[in-house]
Each structure stands twice: as C-alpha cells, then as structure tokens.
N, C-alpha and C. Protein backbone atom coordinates (compact mmCIF):
# COMPACT_ATOMS: atom_id res chain seq x y z
N MET A 1 11.85 13.41 16.25
CA MET A 1 10.49 12.83 16.09
C MET A 1 10.57 11.60 15.17
N THR A 2 11.47 10.65 15.40
CA THR A 2 11.54 9.45 14.57
C THR A 2 10.44 8.51 15.05
N GLY A 3 10.06 7.59 14.19
CA GLY A 3 9.02 6.60 14.64
C GLY A 3 7.68 7.07 14.51
N ARG A 4 7.43 8.19 13.90
CA ARG A 4 6.12 8.73 13.75
C ARG A 4 5.51 8.79 12.39
N ILE A 5 4.32 8.55 12.22
CA ILE A 5 3.67 8.68 10.87
C ILE A 5 2.67 9.82 11.09
N VAL A 6 2.74 10.73 10.17
CA VAL A 6 1.76 11.82 10.24
C VAL A 6 0.85 11.65 8.95
N HIS A 7 -0.46 11.65 9.27
CA HIS A 7 -1.41 11.48 8.18
C HIS A 7 -2.25 12.71 8.30
N ILE A 8 -2.25 13.51 7.20
CA ILE A 8 -2.91 14.84 7.14
C ILE A 8 -4.14 14.63 6.23
N THR A 9 -5.31 14.88 6.58
CA THR A 9 -6.51 14.74 5.87
C THR A 9 -7.22 16.02 5.74
N GLY A 10 -8.03 16.19 4.72
CA GLY A 10 -8.80 17.40 4.50
C GLY A 10 -9.48 17.31 3.09
N ALA A 11 -10.42 18.14 2.91
CA ALA A 11 -11.03 18.27 1.62
C ALA A 11 -10.22 18.64 0.52
N SER A 12 -10.47 18.22 -0.75
CA SER A 12 -9.70 18.62 -1.84
C SER A 12 -9.50 20.07 -1.93
N GLY A 13 -8.30 20.56 -2.10
CA GLY A 13 -8.21 22.09 -2.31
C GLY A 13 -8.04 22.78 -0.96
N SER A 14 -7.95 22.05 0.20
CA SER A 14 -7.82 22.70 1.50
C SER A 14 -6.46 22.92 1.97
N GLY A 15 -5.42 22.49 1.16
CA GLY A 15 -4.07 22.72 1.59
C GLY A 15 -3.40 21.47 2.14
N THR A 16 -3.97 20.34 2.26
CA THR A 16 -3.35 19.22 2.87
C THR A 16 -2.06 18.79 2.23
N THR A 17 -2.03 18.80 0.91
CA THR A 17 -0.88 18.48 0.11
C THR A 17 0.32 19.46 0.41
N THR A 18 -0.08 20.70 0.34
CA THR A 18 0.96 21.70 0.62
C THR A 18 1.54 21.66 1.91
N LEU A 19 0.71 21.38 2.94
CA LEU A 19 1.17 21.29 4.28
C LEU A 19 2.00 19.99 4.49
N GLY A 20 1.56 18.93 3.92
CA GLY A 20 2.27 17.67 4.00
C GLY A 20 3.66 17.72 3.31
N ARG A 21 3.77 18.40 2.17
CA ARG A 21 5.07 18.53 1.58
C ARG A 21 6.01 19.42 2.39
N ALA A 22 5.44 20.51 2.86
CA ALA A 22 6.25 21.46 3.62
C ALA A 22 6.78 20.80 4.92
N LEU A 23 5.78 20.04 5.58
CA LEU A 23 6.22 19.34 6.88
C LEU A 23 7.20 18.30 6.57
N ALA A 24 7.05 17.50 5.59
CA ALA A 24 8.09 16.45 5.17
C ALA A 24 9.39 17.18 4.87
N GLU A 25 9.40 18.14 4.13
CA GLU A 25 10.70 18.84 3.78
C GLU A 25 11.42 19.32 5.00
N ARG A 26 10.61 19.91 5.85
CA ARG A 26 11.18 20.57 7.00
C ARG A 26 11.81 19.56 8.01
N LEU A 27 11.14 18.24 8.11
CA LEU A 27 11.55 17.30 8.99
C LEU A 27 12.48 16.26 8.32
N GLY A 28 12.65 16.41 7.01
CA GLY A 28 13.54 15.45 6.22
C GLY A 28 12.82 14.03 6.08
N TRP A 29 11.48 14.06 6.09
CA TRP A 29 10.71 12.83 5.97
C TRP A 29 10.25 12.64 4.48
N MET A 30 10.02 11.44 4.17
CA MET A 30 9.31 11.17 2.91
C MET A 30 7.89 11.56 2.87
N HIS A 31 7.52 12.07 1.71
CA HIS A 31 6.13 12.55 1.51
C HIS A 31 5.33 11.62 0.53
N LEU A 32 4.34 11.03 0.93
CA LEU A 32 3.49 10.30 -0.04
C LEU A 32 2.07 10.85 -0.01
N ASP A 33 1.62 11.22 -1.10
CA ASP A 33 0.25 11.79 -1.19
C ASP A 33 -0.71 10.79 -1.90
N THR A 34 -1.76 10.32 -1.23
CA THR A 34 -2.64 9.37 -1.69
C THR A 34 -3.25 9.78 -2.96
N ASP A 35 -3.47 11.15 -3.12
CA ASP A 35 -3.96 11.60 -4.47
C ASP A 35 -3.17 11.18 -5.63
N ASP A 36 -1.86 11.17 -5.45
CA ASP A 36 -1.00 10.76 -6.64
C ASP A 36 -1.17 9.34 -6.98
N PHE A 37 -1.69 8.47 -6.12
CA PHE A 37 -1.88 7.12 -6.44
C PHE A 37 -3.29 6.89 -6.99
N TYR A 38 -4.20 7.59 -6.46
CA TYR A 38 -5.63 7.38 -6.78
C TYR A 38 -6.20 8.06 -7.93
N TRP A 39 -5.70 9.36 -8.11
CA TRP A 39 -6.26 10.20 -9.17
C TRP A 39 -5.38 10.40 -10.30
N LEU A 40 -5.83 10.47 -11.52
CA LEU A 40 -5.08 10.85 -12.78
C LEU A 40 -4.81 12.30 -12.65
N PRO A 41 -3.72 12.78 -13.19
CA PRO A 41 -3.44 14.16 -13.23
C PRO A 41 -4.33 14.95 -14.27
N THR A 42 -5.25 15.74 -13.77
CA THR A 42 -6.23 16.43 -14.68
C THR A 42 -6.19 17.94 -14.21
N ASP A 43 -6.77 18.74 -15.10
CA ASP A 43 -6.82 20.13 -14.89
C ASP A 43 -8.29 20.59 -15.03
N PRO A 44 -9.06 20.88 -14.07
CA PRO A 44 -8.80 20.91 -12.67
C PRO A 44 -8.50 19.49 -12.16
N PRO A 45 -7.94 19.42 -10.96
CA PRO A 45 -7.59 18.11 -10.48
C PRO A 45 -8.81 17.32 -9.80
N TYR A 46 -8.49 16.03 -9.64
CA TYR A 46 -9.41 15.11 -9.05
C TYR A 46 -10.80 14.95 -9.75
N ARG A 47 -10.57 14.80 -10.99
CA ARG A 47 -11.80 14.64 -11.98
C ARG A 47 -11.92 13.21 -12.41
N GLU A 48 -10.82 12.53 -12.47
CA GLU A 48 -10.79 11.15 -12.95
C GLU A 48 -9.88 10.11 -12.29
N LYS A 49 -10.55 9.22 -11.80
CA LYS A 49 -9.78 8.12 -10.96
C LYS A 49 -8.80 7.38 -11.84
N ARG A 50 -7.77 7.00 -11.32
CA ARG A 50 -6.77 6.24 -12.05
C ARG A 50 -7.29 4.78 -12.25
N PRO A 51 -7.37 4.33 -13.42
CA PRO A 51 -7.86 2.84 -13.59
C PRO A 51 -6.93 1.83 -12.74
N ALA A 52 -7.71 0.83 -12.26
CA ALA A 52 -6.97 -0.11 -11.47
C ALA A 52 -5.72 -0.78 -12.23
N GLU A 53 -5.87 -0.93 -13.41
CA GLU A 53 -4.75 -1.47 -14.24
C GLU A 53 -3.53 -0.68 -14.32
N THR A 54 -3.64 0.63 -14.08
CA THR A 54 -2.58 1.48 -14.20
C THR A 54 -1.82 1.58 -12.83
N ARG A 55 -2.48 1.08 -11.80
CA ARG A 55 -1.90 1.02 -10.45
C ARG A 55 -1.10 -0.30 -10.13
N LEU A 56 -0.67 -0.77 -11.24
CA LEU A 56 0.03 -2.03 -11.24
C LEU A 56 1.34 -2.01 -10.42
N ALA A 57 1.54 -3.06 -9.58
CA ALA A 57 2.66 -3.02 -8.72
C ALA A 57 3.42 -4.35 -8.99
N CYS A 58 4.62 -4.39 -8.69
CA CYS A 58 5.37 -5.47 -8.84
C CYS A 58 6.42 -5.57 -7.72
N CYS A 59 6.38 -6.88 -7.08
CA CYS A 59 7.40 -7.19 -6.08
C CYS A 59 8.43 -8.08 -6.72
N ILE A 60 9.67 -7.66 -6.57
CA ILE A 60 10.90 -8.42 -7.25
C ILE A 60 11.61 -8.94 -5.96
N TYR A 61 11.88 -10.21 -5.79
CA TYR A 61 12.54 -10.76 -4.70
C TYR A 61 14.10 -10.49 -4.94
N LYS A 62 14.81 -10.12 -3.89
CA LYS A 62 16.20 -9.88 -3.98
C LYS A 62 17.06 -11.11 -4.43
N ASN A 63 16.56 -12.24 -3.86
CA ASN A 63 17.20 -13.47 -4.21
C ASN A 63 16.12 -14.35 -4.80
N PRO A 64 15.95 -14.34 -6.13
CA PRO A 64 14.85 -15.07 -6.87
C PRO A 64 15.04 -16.61 -6.68
N HIS A 65 16.21 -17.07 -6.30
CA HIS A 65 16.40 -18.51 -6.19
C HIS A 65 15.90 -18.96 -4.77
N SER A 66 15.72 -18.04 -3.80
CA SER A 66 15.22 -18.48 -2.57
C SER A 66 13.72 -18.49 -2.41
N GLN A 67 13.06 -17.74 -3.25
CA GLN A 67 11.65 -17.55 -3.26
C GLN A 67 11.13 -17.63 -4.69
N ARG A 68 10.06 -18.39 -4.89
CA ARG A 68 9.42 -18.53 -6.19
C ARG A 68 8.25 -17.48 -6.34
N GLY A 69 8.30 -16.65 -7.28
CA GLY A 69 7.38 -15.68 -7.52
C GLY A 69 6.05 -16.38 -8.10
N LYS A 70 4.91 -15.66 -7.87
CA LYS A 70 3.68 -16.17 -8.33
C LYS A 70 3.41 -15.85 -9.84
N THR A 71 4.05 -14.80 -10.35
CA THR A 71 3.87 -14.40 -11.81
C THR A 71 4.94 -15.12 -12.63
N SER A 72 6.18 -14.99 -12.15
CA SER A 72 7.36 -15.61 -12.82
C SER A 72 8.41 -15.87 -11.79
N THR A 73 9.52 -16.44 -12.15
CA THR A 73 10.57 -16.68 -11.24
C THR A 73 11.01 -15.32 -10.48
N GLY A 74 10.92 -15.32 -9.18
CA GLY A 74 11.33 -14.21 -8.47
C GLY A 74 10.47 -12.95 -8.57
N ARG A 75 9.26 -13.01 -9.12
CA ARG A 75 8.47 -11.82 -9.38
C ARG A 75 6.96 -12.15 -9.09
N ASP A 76 6.38 -11.09 -8.40
CA ASP A 76 4.92 -11.10 -8.12
C ASP A 76 4.40 -9.83 -8.75
N THR A 77 3.47 -9.89 -9.68
CA THR A 77 2.86 -8.84 -10.29
C THR A 77 1.33 -8.75 -9.97
N PHE A 78 0.83 -7.66 -9.54
CA PHE A 78 -0.52 -7.52 -9.09
C PHE A 78 -1.16 -6.20 -9.39
N HIS A 79 -2.33 -6.12 -9.37
CA HIS A 79 -3.13 -4.79 -9.56
C HIS A 79 -3.90 -4.60 -8.24
N GLY A 80 -3.93 -3.32 -7.89
CA GLY A 80 -4.68 -3.03 -6.58
C GLY A 80 -5.73 -1.97 -6.84
N ARG A 81 -6.82 -2.05 -6.06
CA ARG A 81 -7.74 -0.93 -6.06
C ARG A 81 -8.28 -0.74 -4.65
N PHE A 82 -8.48 0.46 -4.36
CA PHE A 82 -9.01 0.79 -2.97
C PHE A 82 -10.60 0.67 -3.07
N ILE A 83 -11.12 0.06 -2.12
CA ILE A 83 -12.52 -0.13 -2.05
C ILE A 83 -13.20 0.72 -0.82
N GLU A 84 -12.34 0.98 0.08
CA GLU A 84 -12.86 1.90 1.24
C GLU A 84 -11.63 2.62 1.80
N LEU A 85 -11.77 3.92 2.07
CA LEU A 85 -10.80 4.72 2.73
C LEU A 85 -11.51 5.45 3.82
N VAL A 86 -11.16 5.16 5.11
CA VAL A 86 -11.64 5.98 6.29
C VAL A 86 -10.40 6.66 6.81
N PRO A 87 -10.35 7.89 6.61
CA PRO A 87 -9.15 8.66 7.05
C PRO A 87 -8.68 8.45 8.44
N CYS A 88 -7.48 8.13 8.59
CA CYS A 88 -6.92 7.95 9.94
C CYS A 88 -7.27 6.71 10.69
N GLU A 89 -8.14 5.84 9.96
CA GLU A 89 -8.58 4.60 10.60
C GLU A 89 -8.41 3.39 9.84
N GLU A 90 -8.81 3.35 8.53
CA GLU A 90 -8.85 2.11 7.76
C GLU A 90 -8.63 2.32 6.30
N ILE A 91 -7.91 1.34 5.67
CA ILE A 91 -7.78 1.33 4.25
C ILE A 91 -8.16 -0.13 3.87
N VAL A 92 -9.08 -0.22 2.93
CA VAL A 92 -9.48 -1.58 2.39
C VAL A 92 -9.10 -1.66 0.88
N GLU A 93 -8.33 -2.58 0.53
CA GLU A 93 -7.99 -2.72 -0.78
C GLU A 93 -8.21 -4.10 -1.34
N VAL A 94 -8.31 -4.26 -2.56
CA VAL A 94 -8.35 -5.61 -3.14
C VAL A 94 -7.12 -5.66 -4.14
N ILE A 95 -6.46 -6.75 -3.99
CA ILE A 95 -5.19 -7.14 -4.80
C ILE A 95 -5.44 -8.24 -5.70
N GLU A 96 -5.24 -8.17 -6.94
CA GLU A 96 -5.45 -9.17 -7.93
C GLU A 96 -4.07 -9.60 -8.46
N PHE A 97 -3.71 -10.88 -8.12
CA PHE A 97 -2.53 -11.38 -8.58
C PHE A 97 -2.59 -11.83 -10.02
N GLU A 98 -1.48 -11.58 -10.73
CA GLU A 98 -1.35 -12.16 -12.18
C GLU A 98 -0.52 -13.45 -12.00
N SER A 99 -1.05 -14.57 -12.51
CA SER A 99 -0.31 -15.73 -12.53
C SER A 99 -0.80 -16.73 -13.57
N PRO A 100 -0.11 -17.29 -14.22
CA PRO A 100 -0.52 -18.52 -15.20
C PRO A 100 -1.02 -19.67 -14.33
N ASP A 101 -0.62 -19.78 -13.02
CA ASP A 101 -1.08 -20.88 -12.18
C ASP A 101 -2.32 -20.39 -11.48
N PRO A 102 -3.42 -21.08 -11.64
CA PRO A 102 -4.65 -20.81 -10.99
C PRO A 102 -4.60 -20.84 -9.46
N ARG A 103 -3.65 -21.56 -8.85
CA ARG A 103 -3.52 -21.59 -7.42
C ARG A 103 -3.12 -20.30 -6.83
N PHE A 104 -2.39 -19.47 -7.64
CA PHE A 104 -1.92 -18.23 -7.23
C PHE A 104 -2.64 -16.93 -7.74
N ALA A 105 -3.52 -17.13 -8.74
CA ALA A 105 -4.28 -16.11 -9.38
C ALA A 105 -5.54 -15.86 -8.51
N GLY A 106 -6.05 -14.49 -8.64
CA GLY A 106 -7.27 -14.29 -8.00
C GLY A 106 -7.07 -13.01 -7.08
N GLU A 107 -8.13 -12.68 -6.41
CA GLU A 107 -8.24 -11.50 -5.63
C GLU A 107 -8.17 -11.74 -4.12
N MET A 108 -7.42 -10.81 -3.44
CA MET A 108 -7.23 -10.92 -1.95
C MET A 108 -7.58 -9.59 -1.46
N LYS A 109 -8.41 -9.59 -0.43
CA LYS A 109 -8.78 -8.35 0.28
C LYS A 109 -7.78 -8.09 1.49
N ILE A 110 -7.31 -6.88 1.50
CA ILE A 110 -6.36 -6.47 2.64
C ILE A 110 -7.07 -5.21 3.29
N THR A 111 -7.24 -5.44 4.59
CA THR A 111 -7.80 -4.31 5.39
C THR A 111 -6.73 -3.81 6.32
N THR A 112 -6.27 -2.57 6.19
CA THR A 112 -5.27 -2.04 7.01
C THR A 112 -5.88 -1.11 7.97
N SER A 113 -5.70 -1.40 9.20
CA SER A 113 -6.23 -0.67 10.33
C SER A 113 -5.19 0.20 11.00
N LEU A 114 -5.45 1.39 11.35
CA LEU A 114 -4.56 2.29 11.87
C LEU A 114 -4.98 2.78 13.30
N ALA A 115 -4.22 2.77 14.36
CA ALA A 115 -4.67 3.14 15.70
C ALA A 115 -3.56 4.01 16.31
N ASP A 116 -3.92 5.07 16.95
CA ASP A 116 -2.96 5.83 17.58
C ASP A 116 -2.37 5.05 18.91
N THR A 117 -1.12 5.15 19.15
CA THR A 117 -0.47 4.71 20.34
C THR A 117 0.41 5.73 20.91
N ASP A 118 1.03 5.52 22.05
CA ASP A 118 1.95 6.47 22.68
C ASP A 118 3.16 6.69 21.93
N ASP A 119 3.55 5.64 21.01
CA ASP A 119 4.71 5.63 20.30
C ASP A 119 4.49 6.06 18.86
N GLY A 120 3.34 6.26 18.34
CA GLY A 120 3.07 6.64 17.01
C GLY A 120 1.72 6.04 16.54
N THR A 121 1.86 5.16 15.51
CA THR A 121 0.63 4.55 14.94
C THR A 121 0.88 3.08 14.90
N ALA A 122 -0.09 2.31 15.44
CA ALA A 122 -0.08 0.85 15.22
C ALA A 122 -0.81 0.48 13.83
N ILE A 123 -0.23 -0.32 13.16
CA ILE A 123 -0.74 -0.71 11.82
C ILE A 123 -0.99 -2.31 11.88
N THR A 124 -2.30 -2.61 11.57
CA THR A 124 -2.58 -3.99 11.57
C THR A 124 -3.12 -4.43 10.10
N LEU A 125 -2.72 -5.45 9.58
CA LEU A 125 -3.18 -6.03 8.30
C LEU A 125 -4.02 -7.25 8.57
N LEU A 126 -5.11 -7.24 7.92
CA LEU A 126 -5.96 -8.41 7.82
C LEU A 126 -6.14 -8.92 6.38
N CYS A 127 -5.74 -9.97 6.00
CA CYS A 127 -5.75 -10.55 4.66
C CYS A 127 -6.88 -11.54 4.50
N GLN A 128 -7.89 -11.34 3.59
CA GLN A 128 -8.93 -12.28 3.34
C GLN A 128 -8.94 -12.79 1.93
N ASP A 129 -9.38 -13.97 1.74
CA ASP A 129 -9.40 -14.67 0.43
C ASP A 129 -8.08 -14.76 -0.28
N VAL A 130 -7.21 -15.17 0.56
CA VAL A 130 -5.72 -15.34 -0.01
C VAL A 130 -5.90 -16.57 -0.91
N PRO A 131 -5.35 -16.37 -2.19
CA PRO A 131 -5.29 -17.49 -3.10
C PRO A 131 -4.73 -18.81 -2.53
N ALA A 132 -5.35 -19.88 -2.83
CA ALA A 132 -5.02 -21.29 -2.25
C ALA A 132 -3.49 -21.55 -2.33
N GLY A 133 -2.78 -21.16 -3.30
CA GLY A 133 -1.40 -21.49 -3.48
C GLY A 133 -0.48 -20.64 -2.63
N ILE A 134 -0.96 -19.69 -1.98
CA ILE A 134 -0.07 -18.89 -1.14
C ILE A 134 -0.14 -19.35 0.31
N ARG A 135 1.07 -19.93 0.85
CA ARG A 135 0.96 -20.56 2.10
C ARG A 135 0.79 -19.38 3.16
N LEU A 136 0.16 -19.73 4.28
CA LEU A 136 -0.10 -18.70 5.37
C LEU A 136 1.23 -18.18 5.81
N GLU A 137 2.26 -19.00 6.02
CA GLU A 137 3.48 -18.36 6.53
C GLU A 137 4.23 -17.50 5.54
N ASP A 138 3.96 -17.72 4.26
CA ASP A 138 4.56 -16.80 3.24
C ASP A 138 3.82 -15.52 3.20
N ASN A 139 2.43 -15.61 3.34
CA ASN A 139 1.63 -14.34 3.33
C ASN A 139 2.03 -13.57 4.58
N GLU A 140 2.24 -14.18 5.70
CA GLU A 140 2.54 -13.48 6.91
C GLU A 140 3.99 -12.77 6.77
N MET A 141 4.80 -13.47 6.21
CA MET A 141 6.21 -13.01 6.01
C MET A 141 6.15 -11.74 5.00
N GLY A 142 5.32 -11.88 3.97
CA GLY A 142 5.21 -10.73 3.04
C GLY A 142 4.61 -9.44 3.73
N CYS A 143 3.61 -9.72 4.53
CA CYS A 143 2.93 -8.62 5.25
C CYS A 143 3.94 -7.96 6.27
N GLY A 144 4.71 -8.83 6.99
CA GLY A 144 5.70 -8.34 7.82
C GLY A 144 6.85 -7.50 7.13
N SER A 145 7.22 -8.05 6.10
CA SER A 145 8.28 -7.29 5.19
C SER A 145 7.74 -5.98 4.81
N SER A 146 6.49 -5.90 4.39
CA SER A 146 5.92 -4.68 3.96
C SER A 146 5.81 -3.64 5.03
N LEU A 147 5.48 -4.11 6.32
CA LEU A 147 5.41 -3.17 7.41
C LEU A 147 6.78 -2.77 7.82
N ARG A 148 7.80 -3.61 7.80
CA ARG A 148 9.23 -3.23 8.16
C ARG A 148 9.66 -2.19 7.08
N ASN A 149 9.42 -2.51 5.67
CA ASN A 149 9.79 -1.49 4.70
C ASN A 149 9.18 -0.13 4.98
N LEU A 150 7.90 -0.08 5.26
CA LEU A 150 7.23 1.07 5.61
C LEU A 150 7.84 1.87 6.82
N ALA A 151 8.08 1.12 7.76
CA ALA A 151 8.76 1.75 9.02
C ALA A 151 10.08 2.25 8.64
N ALA A 152 10.79 1.68 7.81
CA ALA A 152 12.19 2.18 7.52
C ALA A 152 12.01 3.38 6.63
N LEU A 153 10.97 3.51 5.85
CA LEU A 153 10.79 4.85 5.14
C LEU A 153 10.40 6.00 6.02
N VAL A 154 9.70 5.82 7.08
CA VAL A 154 9.18 6.92 7.79
C VAL A 154 9.87 7.15 9.17
N GLU A 155 10.75 6.31 9.61
CA GLU A 155 11.38 6.49 10.87
C GLU A 155 12.80 7.21 10.72
C-alpha cells in the first residue's frame, strides 16, 4: 500500500492516536500526530495550545552557497500557526518569516487542500501574501520540495 496517506480523525480521547500509531507500526509507516504539534503536553491533555513562537521551524539549505536564506546565509527561520483545520479537506496556516531584510519579513498564508484520488490523496498548496522579496519561482520550488519530501516520508 505505498503512495497512500491515511488521515484518521476523531474527537479527543476517541482512540485516533492509538489507532494511528498501531496502523503505522503494522505497516512500517511514519506516524505524525497533529496533537503533538498543536497542543502542549498537559494532564489531562488538550488543555493548552502550544504558543506559535514555540512552533518555530527552520529550513536549512543543503548547499548554502547555491541559495540565499532569508534569515541568514543558507537558513530560513519562521513561525507558523494554524488558523483553520477542516479534517480531511483543508489546512490553513500563517507563516511568519524572520528576516532583518523587510523584503523577506512578514506573514504568508498557506492553504493546503486535500482531495481523494484513485491513487491516494492529491495535495494542493495556495500561497497568499508572499513577501515581496521572495521570487515566485523560488516559492514554487520550495512548495514543490516540501511536497516531494512529504511523499518520500509516506510512500
């Protein structure tokens, strides 16, 4: 069953995490749980959202001399926050780039749409309010790279 993405949804405490982990282990797939990214670990769980600044992500270019990072040479650092989650359909997030150069700083909205196909799931990215310093072709290359990396993890 390669080339498939399985998205399991359900109410908190309904067993979706347990099912997802068991399925991933049985199939030898990677398991990612949205709760781990969105919620802070609390007892009982799901009481406190993880602050956006702690969901800091960083992209490091393999060859920093071939691409200039927006935060520093060969590096893009950004914060992300989800603003809408529609299970099995859409994820809307806002990415805020850190950069001393105002052309690269600012917020970009990314809408990820998911659609069932005969071969699995089609994923479409729509980027809005891309900072002026980011060339269209560079943004498209970055989105394509992200989708290829995701496919490599789940196929």
